[in-house]
C-alpha atoms as a PDB file:
ATOM      1  CA  MET A   1       0.017  -0.036  -0.015  1.00  0.00           C
ATOM      2  CA  LEU A   2       2.771   2.248   0.972  1.00  0.00           C
ATOM      3  CA  GLN A   3       4.480   2.030  -2.530  1.00  0.00           C
ATOM      4  CA  LEU A   4       1.411   2.545  -4.593  1.00  0.00           C
ATOM      5  CA  ILE A   5       0.894   5.546  -2.714  1.00  0.00           C
ATOM      6  CA  ASN A   6       4.474   6.652  -3.151  1.00  0.00           C
ATOM      7  CA  GLU A   7       4.252   5.758  -7.286  1.00  0.00           C
ATOM      8  CA  ARG A   8       1.086   7.890  -6.849  1.00  0.00           C
ATOM      9  CA  ALA A   9       2.791  11.278  -5.163  1.00  0.00           C
ATOM     10  CA  GLU A  10       5.127  10.585  -8.422  1.00  0.00           C
ATOM     11  CA  ILE A  11       2.766  11.070 -10.906  1.00  0.00           C
ATOM     12  CA  VAL A  12       0.777  13.872  -9.127  1.00  0.00           C
ATOM     13  CA  GLN A  13       4.597  15.778  -9.371  1.00  0.00           C
ATOM     14  CA  GLU A  14       4.237  14.931 -13.055  1.00  0.00           C
ATOM     15  CA  ILE A  15       0.799  16.457 -13.014  1.00  0.00           C
ATOM     16  CA  GLY A  16       1.971  19.544 -11.107  1.00  0.00           C
ATOM     17  CA  HIS A  17       4.942  20.396 -13.485  1.00  0.00           C
ATOM     18  CA  LEU A  18       1.998  20.196 -16.401  1.00  0.00           C
ATOM     19  CA  LYS A  19      -0.138  22.612 -14.487  1.00  0.00           C
ATOM     20  CA  GLU A  20       2.654  25.028 -13.910  1.00  0.00           C
ATOM     21  CA  LYS A  21       3.694  25.460 -17.351  1.00  0.00           C
ATOM     22  CA  GLN A  22       0.160  25.706 -18.551  1.00  0.00           C
ATOM     23  CA  GLY A  23      -1.102  28.133 -15.861  1.00  0.00           C
ATOM     24  CA  THR A  24      -3.684  26.191 -14.759  1.00  0.00           C
ATOM     25  CA  LYS A  25      -4.622  25.604 -11.300  1.00  0.00           C
ATOM     26  CA  ARG A  26      -3.677  22.399  -9.223  1.00  0.00           C
ATOM     27  CA  PHE A  27      -7.232  22.001  -7.065  1.00  0.00           C
ATOM     28  CA  ASP A  28     -10.297  21.378  -8.812  1.00  0.00           C
ATOM     29  CA  PRO A  29     -12.764  20.902  -5.718  1.00  0.00           C
ATOM     30  CA  VAL A  30     -15.055  19.739  -8.756  1.00  0.00           C
ATOM     31  CA  ARG A  31     -13.268  16.945  -9.904  1.00  0.00           C
ATOM     32  CA  GLU A  32     -12.027  15.905  -6.135  1.00  0.00           C
ATOM     33  CA  ARG A  33     -15.724  15.519  -5.205  1.00  0.00           C
ATOM     34  CA  GLU A  34     -16.239  13.486  -8.321  1.00  0.00           C
ATOM     35  CA  MET A  35     -13.233  11.226  -7.551  1.00  0.00           C
ATOM     36  CA  LEU A  36     -14.148  10.719  -3.806  1.00  0.00           C
ATOM     37  CA  ASP A  37     -17.778   9.868  -4.998  1.00  0.00           C
ATOM     38  CA  LYS A  38     -16.506   7.262  -7.444  1.00  0.00           C
ATOM     39  CA  ILE A  39     -14.375   5.645  -4.409  1.00  0.00           C
ATOM     40  CA  VAL A  40     -16.864   5.682  -1.655  1.00  0.00           C
ATOM     41  CA  ALA A  41     -19.334   4.101  -4.558  1.00  0.00           C
ATOM     42  CA  HIS A  42     -16.851   1.206  -4.653  1.00  0.00           C
ATOM     43  CA  ASN A  43     -16.882   0.726  -0.800  1.00  0.00           C
ATOM     44  CA  HIS A  44     -17.875  -2.579   0.309  1.00  0.00           C
ATOM     45  CA  GLY A  45     -16.357  -2.219   4.198  1.00  0.00           C
ATOM     46  CA  PRO A  46     -15.958  -2.557   7.113  1.00  0.00           C
ATOM     47  CA  PHE A  47     -14.995   1.160   6.880  1.00  0.00           C
ATOM     48  CA  ASP A  48     -18.164   3.595   6.175  1.00  0.00           C
ATOM     49  CA  ASP A  49     -18.463   6.055   3.771  1.00  0.00           C
ATOM     50  CA  ASN A  50     -17.558   8.965   5.994  1.00  0.00           C
ATOM     51  CA  VAL A  51     -14.028   7.095   7.159  1.00  0.00           C
ATOM     52  CA  VAL A  52     -13.202   6.381   3.272  1.00  0.00           C
ATOM     53  CA  ARG A  53     -13.514  10.111   1.894  1.00  0.00           C
ATOM     54  CA  HIS A  54     -11.591  11.150   4.820  1.00  0.00           C
ATOM     55  CA  LEU A  55      -8.729   9.094   4.123  1.00  0.00           C
ATOM     56  CA  PHE A  56      -8.283   9.742   0.685  1.00  0.00           C
ATOM     57  CA  LYS A  57      -9.303  13.752   1.362  1.00  0.00           C
ATOM     58  CA  GLU A  58      -5.765  13.512   3.199  1.00  0.00           C
ATOM     59  CA  ILE A  59      -4.499  11.986   0.871  1.00  0.00           C
ATOM     60  CA  PHE A  60      -5.873  14.178  -1.766  1.00  0.00           C
ATOM     61  CA  LYS A  61      -4.174  16.858   0.685  1.00  0.00           C
ATOM     62  CA  ALA A  62      -0.930  15.529   1.030  1.00  0.00           C
ATOM     63  CA  SER A  63      -0.558  15.470  -2.804  1.00  0.00           C
ATOM     64  CA  LEU A  64      -1.780  19.226  -3.239  1.00  0.00           C
ATOM     65  CA  GLU A  65       0.933  19.864  -0.450  1.00  0.00           C
ATOM     66  CA  LEU A  66       3.255  18.059  -2.507  1.00  0.00           C
ATOM     67  CA  GLN A  67       3.194  19.988  -5.283  1.00  0.00           C
ATOM     68  CA  GLU A  68       3.540  23.365  -3.413  1.00  0.00           C
ATOM     69  CA  GLU A  69       6.389  22.693  -2.143  1.00  0.00           C
ATOM     70  CA  ASP A  70       7.849  21.751  -5.820  1.00  0.00           C
ATOM     71  CA  LYS A  71       6.725  24.982  -6.832  1.00  0.00           C
ATOM     72  CA  ASN A  72       8.505  26.491  -4.110  1.00  0.00           C
ATOM     73  CA  LYS A  73      11.514  24.986  -4.352  1.00  0.00           C
ATOM     74  CA  GLN A  74      11.750  26.431  -8.001  1.00  0.00           C
ATOM     75  CA  LEU A  75      10.844  29.981  -6.895  1.00  0.00           C
ATOM     76  CA  LEU A  76      14.544  31.933  -7.208  1.00  0.00           C
ATOM     77  CA  VAL A  77      14.300  33.267  -3.994  1.00  0.00           C
ATOM     78  CA  SER A  78      14.092  30.400  -2.232  1.00  0.00           C
ATOM     79  CA  ARG A  79      16.591  28.525  -0.305  1.00  0.00           C
ATOM     80  CA  LYS A  80      15.804  25.334  -1.471  1.00  0.00           C
ATOM     81  CA  ARG A  81      17.219  26.819  -4.401  1.00  0.00           C
ATOM     82  CA  HIS A  82      19.653  28.755  -3.288  1.00  0.00           C
ATOM     83  CA  PRO A  83      21.299  27.734   0.219  1.00  0.00           C
ATOM     84  CA  GLU A  84      23.874  30.686   0.463  1.00  0.00           C
ATOM     85  CA  ASP A  85      23.174  34.169   1.826  1.00  0.00           C
ATOM     86  CA  THR A  86      23.107  36.076  -0.982  1.00  0.00           C
ATOM     87  CA  ILE A  87      25.212  39.549   0.464  1.00  0.00           C
ATOM     88  CA  VAL A  88      23.939  42.597  -1.099  1.00  0.00           C
ATOM     89  CA  LYS A  89      26.796  45.005  -1.624  1.00  0.00           C
ATOM     90  CA  VAL A  90      26.100  49.216  -1.309  1.00  0.00           C
ATOM     91  CA  GLY A  91      29.683  50.756  -2.034  1.00  0.00           C
ATOM     92  CA  ASP A  92      31.478  49.267   0.860  1.00  0.00           C
ATOM     93  CA  VAL A  93      28.485  48.124   2.995  1.00  0.00           C
ATOM     94  CA  GLU A  94      27.670  43.973   3.042  1.00  0.00           C
ATOM     95  CA  VAL A  95      24.153  43.725   3.785  1.00  0.00           C
ATOM     96  CA  GLY A  96      23.681  40.116   5.121  1.00  0.00           C
ATOM     97  CA  ARG A  97      27.107  39.671   6.577  1.00  0.00           C
ATOM     98  CA  LYS A  98      26.982  42.057   9.351  1.00  0.00           C
ATOM     99  CA  PRO A  99      23.936  43.945  10.879  1.00  0.00           C
ATOM    100  CA  VAL A 100      23.473  46.944   9.357  1.00  0.00           C
ATOM    101  CA  MET A 101      21.647  50.483  10.271  1.00  0.00           C
ATOM    102  CA  ILE A 102      19.620  52.790   7.483  1.00  0.00           C
ATOM    103  CA  ALA A 103      18.801  56.527   9.129  1.00  0.00           C
ATOM    104  CA  GLY A 104      17.356  59.247   7.963  1.00  0.00           C
ATOM    105  CA  PRO A 105      14.307  61.328   7.636  1.00  0.00           C
ATOM    106  CA  CYS A 106      10.704  60.279   6.497  1.00  0.00           C
ATOM    107  CA  SER A 107      10.782  62.993   4.316  1.00  0.00           C
ATOM    108  CA  VAL A 108      13.728  64.950   2.444  1.00  0.00           C
ATOM    109  CA  GLU A 109      12.386  68.737   3.319  1.00  0.00           C
ATOM    110  CA  THR A 110      15.370  70.777   2.866  1.00  0.00           C
ATOM    111  CA  GLU A 111      19.199  70.632   2.416  1.00  0.00           C
ATOM    112  CA  GLU A 112      19.920  72.001   5.600  1.00  0.00           C
ATOM    113  CA  GLN A 113      17.275  69.223   6.971  1.00  0.00           C
ATOM    114  CA  VAL A 114      19.453  66.454   5.637  1.00  0.00           C
ATOM    115  CA  ASP A 115      22.350  67.753   6.036  1.00  0.00           C
ATOM    116  CA  THR A 116      22.118  68.047   9.825  1.00  0.00           C
ATOM    117  CA  VAL A 117      20.788  64.010  10.226  1.00  0.00           C
ATOM    118  CA  ALA A 118      23.879  63.311   7.016  1.00  0.00           C
ATOM    119  CA  LYS A 119      26.532  64.705   9.768  1.00  0.00           C
ATOM    120  CA  GLY A 120      24.929  63.046  12.941  1.00  0.00           C
ATOM    121  CA  LEU A 121      24.948  59.542  10.947  1.00  0.00           C
ATOM    122  CA  ALA A 122      28.311  59.870   9.768  1.00  0.00           C
ATOM    123  CA  GLU A 123      29.372  60.915  13.077  1.00  0.00           C
ATOM    124  CA  GLN A 124      28.353  57.272  14.110  1.00  0.00           C
ATOM    125  CA  GLY A 125      30.070  55.300  11.415  1.00  0.00           C
ATOM    126  CA  ILE A 126      26.819  54.915   9.647  1.00  0.00           C
ATOM    127  CA  LYS A 127      27.303  54.058   5.467  1.00  0.00           C
ATOM    128  CA  LEU A 128      23.210  54.541   4.390  1.00  0.00           C
ATOM    129  CA  ILE A 129      21.352  57.406   4.571  1.00  0.00           C
ATOM    130  CA  ARG A 130      17.337  56.952   3.751  1.00  0.00           C
ATOM    131  CA  GLY A 131      14.988  59.576   2.683  1.00  0.00           C
ATOM    132  CA  GLY A 132      11.396  60.259   1.150  1.00  0.00           C
ATOM    133  CA  ALA A 133      11.650  62.178  -2.299  1.00  0.00           C
ATOM    134  CA  PHE A 134       8.406  60.399  -3.383  1.00  0.00           C
ATOM    135  CA  LYS A 135       6.114  59.934  -0.696  1.00  0.00           C
ATOM    136  CA  PRO A 136       2.562  58.095  -1.410  1.00  0.00           C
ATOM    137  CA  ARG A 137       0.479  58.883   1.097  1.00  0.00           C
ATOM    138  CA  THR A 138      -3.064  57.953   2.249  1.00  0.00           C
ATOM    139  CA  SER A 139      -4.197  61.596   2.031  1.00  0.00           C
ATOM    140  CA  PRO A 140      -4.000  63.270  -1.310  1.00  0.00           C
ATOM    141  CA  TYR A 141      -3.798  66.507   0.665  1.00  0.00           C
ATOM    142  CA  ASP A 142      -0.810  65.429   2.782  1.00  0.00           C
ATOM    143  CA  PHE A 143       2.816  66.560   1.960  1.00  0.00           C
ATOM    144  CA  GLN A 144       3.973  64.254  -1.140  1.00  0.00           C
ATOM    145  CA  GLY A 145       7.536  65.041  -1.261  1.00  0.00           C
ATOM    146  CA  LEU A 146       9.873  67.132  -3.170  1.00  0.00           C
ATOM    147  CA  GLY A 147      10.462  64.848  -6.284  1.00  0.00           C
ATOM    148  CA  ILE A 148      13.506  65.003  -8.199  1.00  0.00           C
ATOM    149  CA  GLU A 149      14.402  68.078  -6.230  1.00  0.00           C
ATOM    150  CA  GLY A 150      14.497  65.389  -3.249  1.00  0.00           C
ATOM    151  CA  LEU A 151      16.573  63.102  -4.943  1.00  0.00           C
ATOM    152  CA  LYS A 152      19.164  65.828  -5.967  1.00  0.00           C
ATOM    153  CA  ILE A 153      19.690  66.841  -2.225  1.00  0.00           C
ATOM    154  CA  LEU A 154      19.891  63.623  -0.729  1.00  0.00           C
ATOM    155  CA  ARG A 155      22.654  63.190  -3.169  1.00  0.00           C
ATOM    156  CA  LYS A 156      24.708  66.052  -2.937  1.00  0.00           C
ATOM    157  CA  VAL A 157      24.083  65.617   0.865  1.00  0.00           C
ATOM    158  CA  ALA A 158      25.358  62.108   0.818  1.00  0.00           C
ATOM    159  CA  ASP A 159      28.326  62.759  -1.360  1.00  0.00           C
ATOM    160  CA  ARG A 160      29.397  64.997   1.145  1.00  0.00           C
ATOM    161  CA  TYR A 161      29.615  62.922   3.871  1.00  0.00           C
ATOM    162  CA  GLY A 162      30.350  59.534   1.908  1.00  0.00           C
ATOM    163  CA  LEU A 163      26.859  57.985   2.717  1.00  0.00           C
ATOM    164  CA  LYS A 164      25.003  55.864   0.008  1.00  0.00           C
ATOM    165  CA  VAL A 165      21.322  56.998  -0.766  1.00  0.00           C
ATOM    166  CA  VAL A 166      18.041  54.674   0.155  1.00  0.00           C
ATOM    167  CA  SER A 167      14.913  56.378  -1.106  1.00  0.00           C
ATOM    168  CA  GLU A 168      11.335  55.072  -2.636  1.00  0.00           C
ATOM    169  CA  ILE A 169      10.291  55.555  -5.781  1.00  0.00           C
ATOM    170  CA  VAL A 170       6.735  54.707  -6.895  1.00  0.00           C
ATOM    171  CA  ASN A 171       6.743  55.097 -10.731  1.00  0.00           C
ATOM    172  CA  PRO A 172       8.182  52.395 -12.751  1.00  0.00           C
ATOM    173  CA  ALA A 173       9.019  54.831 -15.641  1.00  0.00           C
ATOM    174  CA  ASP A 174      11.275  56.641 -13.093  1.00  0.00           C
ATOM    175  CA  ILE A 175      13.416  53.849 -12.073  1.00  0.00           C
ATOM    176  CA  GLU A 176      16.204  54.526 -14.547  1.00  0.00           C
ATOM    177  CA  MET A 177      16.386  58.062 -13.604  1.00  0.00           C
ATOM    178  CA  ALA A 178      16.137  57.375  -9.781  1.00  0.00           C
ATOM    179  CA  THR A 179      20.066  55.177 -10.443  1.00  0.00           C
ATOM    180  CA  GLN A 180      21.598  58.639 -11.676  1.00  0.00           C
ATOM    181  CA  TYR A 181      20.593  58.991  -7.709  1.00  0.00           C
ATOM    182  CA  VAL A 182      20.420  56.655  -5.248  1.00  0.00           C
ATOM    183  CA  ASP A 183      22.344  53.714  -4.489  1.00  0.00           C
ATOM    184  CA  VAL A 184      19.315  51.573  -3.360  1.00  0.00           C
ATOM    185  CA  ILE A 185      15.801  51.922  -5.064  1.00  0.00           C
ATOM    186  CA  GLN A 186      13.357  51.520  -2.206  1.00  0.00           C
ATOM    187  CA  LEU A 187       9.893  49.953  -2.815  1.00  0.00           C
ATOM    188  CA  GLY A 188       7.487  51.292  -0.077  1.00  0.00           C
ATOM    189  CA  ALA A 189       4.854  48.382   1.665  1.00  0.00           C
ATOM    190  CA  ARG A 190       1.550  50.215  -0.628  1.00  0.00           C
ATOM    191  CA  ASN A 191       3.811  49.049  -3.882  1.00  0.00           C
ATOM    192  CA  MET A 192       4.863  45.896  -2.633  1.00  0.00           C
ATOM    193  CA  GLN A 193       2.283  44.170  -5.396  1.00  0.00           C
ATOM    194  CA  ASN A 194       2.452  47.123  -7.635  1.00  0.00           C
ATOM    195  CA  PHE A 195       4.279  44.616 -10.330  1.00  0.00           C
ATOM    196  CA  GLU A 196       5.001  46.689 -13.540  1.00  0.00           C
ATOM    197  CA  LEU A 197       7.085  48.679 -10.572  1.00  0.00           C
ATOM    198  CA  LEU A 198       8.493  45.276  -9.437  1.00  0.00           C
ATOM    199  CA  LYS A 199       9.055  44.234 -13.102  1.00  0.00           C
ATOM    200  CA  ALA A 200      11.321  47.712 -13.784  1.00  0.00           C
ATOM    201  CA  ALA A 201      13.250  47.441 -10.621  1.00  0.00           C
ATOM    202  CA  GLY A 202      14.166  43.725 -11.640  1.00  0.00           C
ATOM    203  CA  GLN A 203      15.698  45.216 -15.202  1.00  0.00           C
ATOM    204  CA  VAL A 204      18.152  47.342 -13.869  1.00  0.00           C
ATOM    205  CA  LYS A 205      21.102  46.451 -11.327  1.00  0.00           C
ATOM    206  CA  THR A 206      20.759  48.466  -9.020  1.00  0.00           C
ATOM    207  CA  PRO A 207      20.040  47.121  -4.942  1.00  0.00           C
ATOM    208  CA  VAL A 208      16.375  47.229  -4.659  1.00  0.00           C
ATOM    209  CA  LEU A 209      14.940  47.580  -0.527  1.00  0.00           C
ATOM    210  CA  LEU A 210      11.407  45.790  -0.831  1.00  0.00           C
ATOM    211  CA  LYS A 211       8.772  46.349   2.134  1.00  0.00           C
ATOM    212  CA  ARG A 212       6.376  43.838   3.101  1.00  0.00           C
ATOM    213  CA  GLY A 213       2.924  45.389   2.218  1.00  0.00           C
ATOM    214  CA  LEU A 214       0.533  46.209   4.783  1.00  0.00           C
ATOM    215  CA  ALA A 215      -1.514  43.204   5.041  1.00  0.00           C
ATOM    216  CA  ALA A 216       0.517  41.083   3.347  1.00  0.00           C
ATOM    217  CA  THR A 217       1.444  37.368   3.572  1.00  0.00           C
ATOM    218  CA  ILE A 218       5.020  35.724   3.842  1.00  0.00           C
ATOM    219  CA  GLU A 219       4.439  34.079   0.692  1.00  0.00           C
ATOM    220  CA  GLU A 220       3.270  36.940  -0.972  1.00  0.00           C
ATOM    221  CA  PHE A 221       6.037  39.098   0.021  1.00  0.00           C
ATOM    222  CA  LEU A 222       8.409  36.665  -1.567  1.00  0.00           C
ATOM    223  CA  PHE A 223       6.492  36.139  -4.475  1.00  0.00           C
ATOM    224  CA  ALA A 224       6.732  39.931  -4.857  1.00  0.00           C
ATOM    225  CA  ALA A 225      10.800  39.910  -4.139  1.00  0.00           C
ATOM    226  CA  GLU A 226      10.397  36.842  -6.954  1.00  0.00           C
ATOM    227  CA  TYR A 227       9.101  38.957  -9.674  1.00  0.00           C
ATOM    228  CA  ILE A 228      12.533  41.688  -9.290  1.00  0.00           C
ATOM    229  CA  VAL A 229      14.491  38.808  -8.959  1.00  0.00           C
ATOM    230  CA  SER A 230      13.193  36.738 -11.962  1.00  0.00           C
ATOM    231  CA  ARG A 231      14.145  39.655 -14.111  1.00  0.00           C
ATOM    232  CA  GLY A 232      17.824  39.438 -13.183  1.00  0.00           C
ATOM    233  CA  ASN A 233      18.578  41.757 -10.412  1.00  0.00           C
ATOM    234  CA  ASN A 234      19.134  39.145  -7.262  1.00  0.00           C
ATOM    235  CA  GLN A 235      20.140  42.480  -5.058  1.00  0.00           C
ATOM    236  CA  VAL A 236      17.116  42.365  -3.053  1.00  0.00           C
ATOM    237  CA  ILE A 237      16.871  43.346   0.603  1.00  0.00           C
ATOM    238  CA  LEU A 238      13.616  42.222   2.355  1.00  0.00           C
ATOM    239  CA  VAL A 239      12.069  45.176   4.858  1.00  0.00           C
ATOM    240  CA  GLU A 240       9.364  43.766   7.372  1.00  0.00           C
ATOM    241  CA  ARG A 241       7.440  46.563   8.519  1.00  0.00           C
ATOM    242  CA  GLY A 242       4.934  45.810  10.312  1.00  0.00           C
ATOM    243  CA  ILE A 243       1.152  44.607   9.504  1.00  0.00           C
ATOM    244  CA  ARG A 244      -2.180  46.305   9.738  1.00  0.00           C
ATOM    245  CA  THR A 245      -4.234  44.537  12.790  1.00  0.00           C
ATOM    246  CA  TYR A 246      -6.880  45.395  15.137  1.00  0.00           C
ATOM    247  CA  GLU A 247      -4.307  46.892  17.561  1.00  0.00           C
ATOM    248  CA  LYS A 248      -4.551  51.010  18.255  1.00  0.00           C
ATOM    249  CA  TRP A 249      -1.484  51.239  20.587  1.00  0.00           C
ATOM    250  CA  THR A 250       0.941  51.132  17.519  1.00  0.00           C
ATOM    251  CA  ARG A 251       0.682  52.330  14.010  1.00  0.00           C
ATOM    252  CA  ASN A 252       0.870  48.418  13.031  1.00  0.00           C
ATOM    253  CA  THR A 253       2.018  45.516  14.431  1.00  0.00           C
ATOM    254  CA  LEU A 254       5.799  44.354  13.593  1.00  0.00           C
ATOM    255  CA  ASP A 255       5.647  40.564  13.001  1.00  0.00           C
ATOM    256  CA  ILE A 256       8.640  39.419  14.439  1.00  0.00           C
ATOM    257  CA  LEU A 257       8.043  35.736  13.762  1.00  0.00           C
ATOM    258  CA  ALA A 258       8.576  37.146   9.945  1.00  0.00           C
ATOM    259  CA  VAL A 259      12.266  37.489  10.214  1.00  0.00           C
ATOM    260  CA  PRO A 260      12.814  33.975  11.161  1.00  0.00           C
ATOM    261  CA  ILE A 261      10.916  32.144   8.907  1.00  0.00           C
ATOM    262  CA  LEU A 262      11.892  34.911   6.131  1.00  0.00           C
ATOM    263  CA  LYS A 263      15.556  33.680   7.037  1.00  0.00           C
ATOM    264  CA  GLN A 264      14.677  30.387   6.667  1.00  0.00           C
ATOM    265  CA  GLU A 265      12.774  30.203   3.692  1.00  0.00           C
ATOM    266  CA  SER A 266      14.657  32.278   1.789  1.00  0.00           C
ATOM    267  CA  HIS A 267      18.330  33.799   1.234  1.00  0.00           C
ATOM    268  CA  LEU A 268      17.609  37.440   0.667  1.00  0.00           C
ATOM    269  CA  PRO A 269      18.695  39.772   3.834  1.00  0.00           C
ATOM    270  CA  VAL A 270      15.815  40.788   5.954  1.00  0.00           C
ATOM    271  CA  LEU A 271      15.595  44.075   7.744  1.00  0.00           C
ATOM    272  CA  VAL A 272      13.138  45.261  10.007  1.00  0.00           C
ATOM    273  CA  ASP A 273      11.711  48.628   9.869  1.00  0.00           C
ATOM    274  CA  ILE A 274      10.868  49.966  14.049  1.00  0.00           C
ATOM    275  CA  SER A 275       9.593  53.418  12.596  1.00  0.00           C
ATOM    276  CA  HIS A 276       6.582  52.430  10.538  1.00  0.00           C
ATOM    277  CA  SER A 277       5.682  48.916  12.530  1.00  0.00           C
ATOM    278  CA  ALA A 278       5.039  50.896  16.080  1.00  0.00           C
ATOM    279  CA  GLY A 279       4.691  54.354  14.690  1.00  0.00           C
ATOM    280  CA  ARG A 280       5.986  55.582  18.143  1.00  0.00           C
ATOM    281  CA  LYS A 281       9.422  56.487  19.164  1.00  0.00           C
ATOM    282  CA  ASP A 282       9.101  55.550  23.113  1.00  0.00           C
ATOM    283  CA  ILE A 283       9.542  51.946  22.543  1.00  0.00           C
ATOM    284  CA  ALA A 284      12.446  51.587  19.381  1.00  0.00           C
ATOM    285  CA  ILE A 285      15.133  50.319  21.744  1.00  0.00           C
ATOM    286  CA  PRO A 286      13.435  47.598  22.762  1.00  0.00           C
ATOM    287  CA  ILE A 287      11.742  47.020  19.440  1.00  0.00           C
ATOM    288  CA  ALA A 288      15.028  47.399  17.510  1.00  0.00           C
ATOM    289  CA  LYS A 289      16.743  44.860  20.609  1.00  0.00           C
ATOM    290  CA  ALA A 290      14.437  41.889  19.583  1.00  0.00           C
ATOM    291  CA  ALA A 291      14.890  42.289  15.701  1.00  0.00           C
ATOM    292  CA  LEU A 292      18.446  42.027  15.552  1.00  0.00           C
ATOM    293  CA  ALA A 293      17.843  39.434  18.662  1.00  0.00           C
ATOM    294  CA  ALA A 294      15.496  37.445  16.000  1.00  0.00           C
ATOM    295  CA  GLY A 295      18.024  37.397  13.424  1.00  0.00           C
ATOM    296  CA  ALA A 296      17.243  40.832  11.142  1.00  0.00           C
ATOM    297  CA  ASP A 297      19.906  41.816   9.070  1.00  0.00           C
ATOM    298  CA  GLY A 298      19.935  45.402  10.425  1.00  0.00           C
ATOM    299  CA  ILE A 299      17.411  47.842  11.214  1.00  0.00           C
ATOM    300  CA  MET A 300      15.763  50.959   9.915  1.00  0.00           C
ATOM    301  CA  VAL A 301      15.309  53.787  11.953  1.00  0.00           C
ATOM    302  CA  GLU A 302      13.743  57.750  11.060  1.00  0.00           C
ATOM    303  CA  VAL A 303      15.627  60.179  12.551  1.00  0.00           C
ATOM    304  CA  HIS A 304      15.151  64.422  11.738  1.00  0.00           C
ATOM    305  CA  PRO A 305      16.579  67.067  13.592  1.00  0.00           C
ATOM    306  CA  ASP A 306      13.119  68.387  14.549  1.00  0.00           C
ATOM    307  CA  PRO A 307      10.575  65.803  14.624  1.00  0.00           C
ATOM    308  CA  ALA A 308       7.833  67.897  15.872  1.00  0.00           C
ATOM    309  CA  VAL A 309       7.847  70.230  13.081  1.00  0.00           C
ATOM    310  CA  ALA A 310       8.481  67.116  10.305  1.00  0.00           C
ATOM    311  CA  LEU A 311       6.200  67.689   7.426  1.00  0.00           C
ATOM    312  CA  SER A 312       5.670  63.924   7.736  1.00  0.00           C
ATOM    313  CA  ASP A 313       5.136  61.031  10.289  1.00  0.00           C
ATOM    314  CA  ALA A 314       6.651  63.457  13.063  1.00  0.00           C
ATOM    315  CA  ASN A 315       5.535  60.788  15.959  1.00  0.00           C
ATOM    316  CA  GLN A 316       8.003  57.931  15.180  1.00  0.00           C
ATOM    317  CA  GLN A 317      11.025  60.187  14.182  1.00  0.00           C
ATOM    318  CA  LEU A 318      13.659  60.151  16.449  1.00  0.00           C
ATOM    319  CA  ASN A 319      15.890  63.417  16.958  1.00  0.00           C
ATOM    320  CA  LEU A 320      19.586  62.999  16.901  1.00  0.00           C
ATOM    321  CA  ASP A 321      19.860  62.496  20.434  1.00  0.00           C
ATOM    322  CA  GLN A 322      17.401  59.868  20.726  1.00  0.00           C
ATOM    323  CA  PHE A 323      19.076  57.952  17.674  1.00  0.00           C
ATOM    324  CA  ASN A 324      22.594  58.302  19.401  1.00  0.00           C
ATOM    325  CA  GLU A 325      21.053  56.441  22.228  1.00  0.00           C
ATOM    326  CA  LEU A 326      19.355  54.024  20.169  1.00  0.00           C
ATOM    327  CA  MET A 327      22.464  53.516  18.513  1.00  0.00           C
ATOM    328  CA  THR A 328      24.565  53.346  22.359  1.00  0.00           C
ATOM    329  CA  ALA A 329      22.460  50.612  23.574  1.00  0.00           C
ATOM    330  CA  LEU A 330      22.449  48.300  20.583  1.00  0.00           C
ATOM    331  CA  LYS A 331      26.346  48.707  20.547  1.00  0.00           C
ATOM    332  CA  GLY A 332      26.183  48.184  24.323  1.00  0.00           C
ATOM    333  CA  SER A 333      24.495  45.338  23.617  1.00  0.00           C
ATOM    334  CA  GLN A 334      26.503  43.698  20.886  1.00  0.00           C
ATOM    335  CA  LEU A 335      23.856  43.238  18.690  1.00  0.00           C
ATOM    336  CA  LEU A 336      25.126  46.431  16.040  1.00  0.00           C
END
């Protein structure tokens, strides 16, 4: 009986490969019901019909799971396909080698603002500065960013302090332009399933920082990364930034479990955005410690010279003193 079941499993795998090529669904509930009815029609006991249905339904379920495993093994982002860790190189920074810090203002507002932050980062030995030039906002009336002018400010200031630029791009047509100013293209949570944007990011050689969607499953997150990698760009960094739940005391709920799962299932480096996940600065240190302890390859955090007057996300941005306290705590714990 075991030999027959395993032979059936081999046939199921072959069928799965054919369905994959044809783009057809693996699960057909109508056909499954027809098959169960035929099996029960030939049941002469001693098992009653319900037991027989249950037994064969479990066999069908295991067969579908086998096909799903085969599909996931084929993913370019899967660790089963690529056992070694991918190291994303940004200048002399190697993301995935040891924990890194990406910090900077939520939005680029002025050159003076960015310069103040960049100077503080450089003093701490930080190499990667983030800043929003294109800001997709929930309300169309909120500050939308300075656009290309913001990218120019970031590039100018970063070069002044020897930093690398991380900034979000929201339009596929802007990807090529962005490579002139940024060292890492960020694709934000609201664009995680903007498939044309993912494809465009996959067609350049610039590293991509991909954030998990507001309500995306881990599987959906990995498939979004697959869009980029499948187009030829394997320099992808995954970012867990919290998911939307019913909780009101934080902006989002940090899915800390996603960190070890992503590290186990994928070979891509994983960062945690401690600003967007919580939406508050008073718990930044324990969140960062938890993320790094869970195996994250680094932290993203928002820093502003004067958060009270920030044009976006004032509540979650650290001032420079608070950022220095964060760095001291992480270095003191030997996590960074």
